Amino acid sequence: MTGPEHYRTAEQLLDWAANSEPGGETERYRLSAAQVHATLALAAATALTAGDDDYHADYHAVQAGMTEWRTVAGDQTPAEEQRERMGGQP
């Protein structure tokens, strides 16, 4: 499971917990599971690079990871923002 997938799962579990019986076992389980997924998402976000000396490989890994995070967060990538400013032109 990727960091963004953990993030989405945490959000879903929080939604489900909000619709659970307040104070019940199901609510507590969902909140606990959401916390675990949120922690794993955070860990994944801080470990985007491989940590080796290959700058170009690290750069591309970070860019790919950031694009996926922007998608999860609902943000546009810089290229999408530029296209929008230019009226949809490539």
C-alpha atoms as a PDB file:
ATOM      1  CA  MET A   1       0.000   0.000   0.000  1.00  0.00           C
ATOM      2  CA  THR A   2       1.431   3.409  -0.951  1.00  0.00           C
ATOM      3  CA  GLY A   3       1.439   6.500   1.226  1.00  0.00           C
ATOM      4  CA  PRO A   4      -1.448   8.105  -0.677  1.00  0.00           C
ATOM      5  CA  GLU A   5      -3.421   4.860  -0.369  1.00  0.00           C
ATOM      6  CA  HIS A   6      -2.869   4.905   3.394  1.00  0.00           C
ATOM      7  CA  TYR A   7      -4.046   8.523   3.430  1.00  0.00           C
ATOM      8  CA  ARG A   8      -7.240   7.684   1.513  1.00  0.00           C
ATOM      9  CA  THR A   9      -7.891   4.702   3.781  1.00  0.00           C
ATOM     10  CA  ALA A  10      -7.476   6.876   6.885  1.00  0.00           C
ATOM     11  CA  GLU A  11      -9.974   9.379   5.465  1.00  0.00           C
ATOM     12  CA  GLN A  12     -12.462   6.603   4.694  1.00  0.00           C
ATOM     13  CA  LEU A  13     -12.127   5.106   8.161  1.00  0.00           C
ATOM     14  CA  LEU A  14     -12.719   8.517   9.730  1.00  0.00           C
ATOM     15  CA  ASP A  15     -15.880   8.929   7.662  1.00  0.00           C
ATOM     16  CA  TRP A  16     -17.073   5.493   8.732  1.00  0.00           C
ATOM     17  CA  ALA A  17     -16.249   6.246  12.382  1.00  0.00           C
ATOM     18  CA  ALA A  18     -18.350   9.417  12.201  1.00  0.00           C
ATOM     19  CA  ASN A  19     -21.303   7.260  11.151  1.00  0.00           C
ATOM     20  CA  SER A  20     -20.735   4.665  13.881  1.00  0.00           C
ATOM     21  CA  GLU A  21     -22.420   4.499  17.251  1.00  0.00           C
ATOM     22  CA  PRO A  22     -20.626   7.102  19.404  1.00  0.00           C
ATOM     23  CA  GLY A  23     -18.411   5.429  21.984  1.00  0.00           C
ATOM     24  CA  GLY A  24     -18.997   1.980  20.543  1.00  0.00           C
ATOM     25  CA  GLU A  25     -16.431  -0.680  19.720  1.00  0.00           C
ATOM     26  CA  THR A  26     -16.827  -0.117  15.981  1.00  0.00           C
ATOM     27  CA  GLU A  27     -16.130   3.594  16.327  1.00  0.00           C
ATOM     28  CA  ARG A  28     -13.055   2.956  18.487  1.00  0.00           C
ATOM     29  CA  TYR A  29     -11.729   0.339  16.058  1.00  0.00           C
ATOM     30  CA  ARG A  30     -12.205   2.613  13.045  1.00  0.00           C
ATOM     31  CA  LEU A  31     -10.562   5.569  14.772  1.00  0.00           C
ATOM     32  CA  SER A  32      -7.600   3.413  15.827  1.00  0.00           C
ATOM     33  CA  ALA A  33      -7.205   1.984  12.330  1.00  0.00           C
ATOM     34  CA  ALA A  34      -7.449   5.486  10.837  1.00  0.00           C
ATOM     35  CA  GLN A  35      -4.657   6.650  13.125  1.00  0.00           C
ATOM     36  CA  VAL A  36      -2.422   3.775  12.045  1.00  0.00           C
ATOM     37  CA  HIS A  37      -3.033   4.494   8.348  1.00  0.00           C
ATOM     38  CA  ALA A  38      -2.426   8.223   8.864  1.00  0.00           C
ATOM     39  CA  THR A  39       0.886   7.445  10.593  1.00  0.00           C
ATOM     40  CA  LEU A  40       1.937   5.143   7.748  1.00  0.00           C
ATOM     41  CA  ALA A  41       0.983   7.819   5.206  1.00  0.00           C
ATOM     42  CA  LEU A  42       3.157  10.329   7.051  1.00  0.00           C
ATOM     43  CA  ALA A  43       6.063   7.887   7.175  1.00  0.00           C
ATOM     44  CA  ALA A  44       5.752   7.266   3.446  1.00  0.00           C
ATOM     45  CA  ALA A  45       5.671  10.994   2.698  1.00  0.00           C
ATOM     46  CA  THR A  46       8.911  11.583   4.589  1.00  0.00           C
ATOM     47  CA  ALA A  47      10.699   8.692   2.854  1.00  0.00           C
ATOM     48  CA  LEU A  48      10.190   9.645  -0.790  1.00  0.00           C
ATOM     49  CA  THR A  49      13.843   9.248  -1.787  1.00  0.00           C
ATOM     50  CA  ALA A  50      15.887   6.091  -1.793  1.00  0.00           C
ATOM     51  CA  GLY A  51      18.769   7.777   0.032  1.00  0.00           C
ATOM     52  CA  ASP A  52      21.450   6.749  -2.463  1.00  0.00           C
ATOM     53  CA  ASP A  53      23.820   8.984  -4.423  1.00  0.00           C
ATOM     54  CA  ASP A  54      21.900   8.771  -7.706  1.00  0.00           C
ATOM     55  CA  TYR A  55      20.498  12.307  -7.830  1.00  0.00           C
ATOM     56  CA  HIS A  56      18.490  11.813 -11.019  1.00  0.00           C
ATOM     57  CA  ALA A  57      16.802   8.626  -9.801  1.00  0.00           C
ATOM     58  CA  ASP A  58      15.955  10.329  -6.496  1.00  0.00           C
ATOM     59  CA  TYR A  59      14.637  13.412  -8.288  1.00  0.00           C
ATOM     60  CA  HIS A  60      12.307  11.377 -10.504  1.00  0.00           C
ATOM     61  CA  ALA A  61      11.138   9.255  -7.563  1.00  0.00           C
ATOM     62  CA  VAL A  62      10.294  12.387  -5.589  1.00  0.00           C
ATOM     63  CA  GLN A  63       8.478  13.939  -8.540  1.00  0.00           C
ATOM     64  CA  ALA A  64       6.414  10.800  -9.091  1.00  0.00           C
ATOM     65  CA  GLY A  65       5.622  10.584  -5.395  1.00  0.00           C
ATOM     66  CA  MET A  66       4.652  14.255  -5.176  1.00  0.00           C
ATOM     67  CA  THR A  67       2.342  13.925  -8.171  1.00  0.00           C
ATOM     68  CA  GLU A  68       0.543  11.055  -6.452  1.00  0.00           C
ATOM     69  CA  TRP A  69       0.281  13.057  -3.202  1.00  0.00           C
ATOM     70  CA  ARG A  70      -1.099  16.092  -5.082  1.00  0.00           C
ATOM     71  CA  THR A  71      -3.738  13.867  -6.629  1.00  0.00           C
ATOM     72  CA  VAL A  72      -4.803  12.566  -3.227  1.00  0.00           C
ATOM     73  CA  ALA A  73      -4.839  16.058  -1.741  1.00  0.00           C
ATOM     74  CA  GLY A  74      -6.863  17.377  -4.680  1.00  0.00           C
ATOM     75  CA  ASP A  75      -4.123  19.781  -5.728  1.00  0.00           C
ATOM     76  CA  GLN A  76      -3.098  20.271  -9.311  1.00  0.00           C
ATOM     77  CA  THR A  77       0.377  19.528 -10.543  1.00  0.00           C
ATOM     78  CA  PRO A  78       2.376  22.546 -11.766  1.00  0.00           C
ATOM     79  CA  ALA A  79       1.835  21.457 -15.392  1.00  0.00           C
ATOM     80  CA  GLU A  80      -1.934  21.273 -14.839  1.00  0.00           C
ATOM     81  CA  GLU A  81      -1.958  24.704 -13.235  1.00  0.00           C
ATOM     82  CA  GLN A  82      -0.009  26.152 -16.158  1.00  0.00           C
ATOM     83  CA  ARG A  83      -2.393  24.580 -18.706  1.00  0.00           C
ATOM     84  CA  GLU A  84      -5.335  26.027 -16.817  1.00  0.00           C
ATOM     85  CA  ARG A  85      -3.768  29.491 -16.821  1.00  0.00           C
ATOM     86  CA  MET A  86      -3.215  29.174 -20.581  1.00  0.00           C
ATOM     87  CA  GLY A  87      -6.839  28.271 -21.209  1.00  0.00           C
ATOM     88  CA  GLY A  88      -6.315  24.522 -21.552  1.00  0.00           C
ATOM     89  CA  GLN A  89      -3.578  24.738 -24.199  1.00  0.00           C
ATOM     90  CA  PRO A  90      -0.792  22.120 -23.931  1.00  0.00           C
END
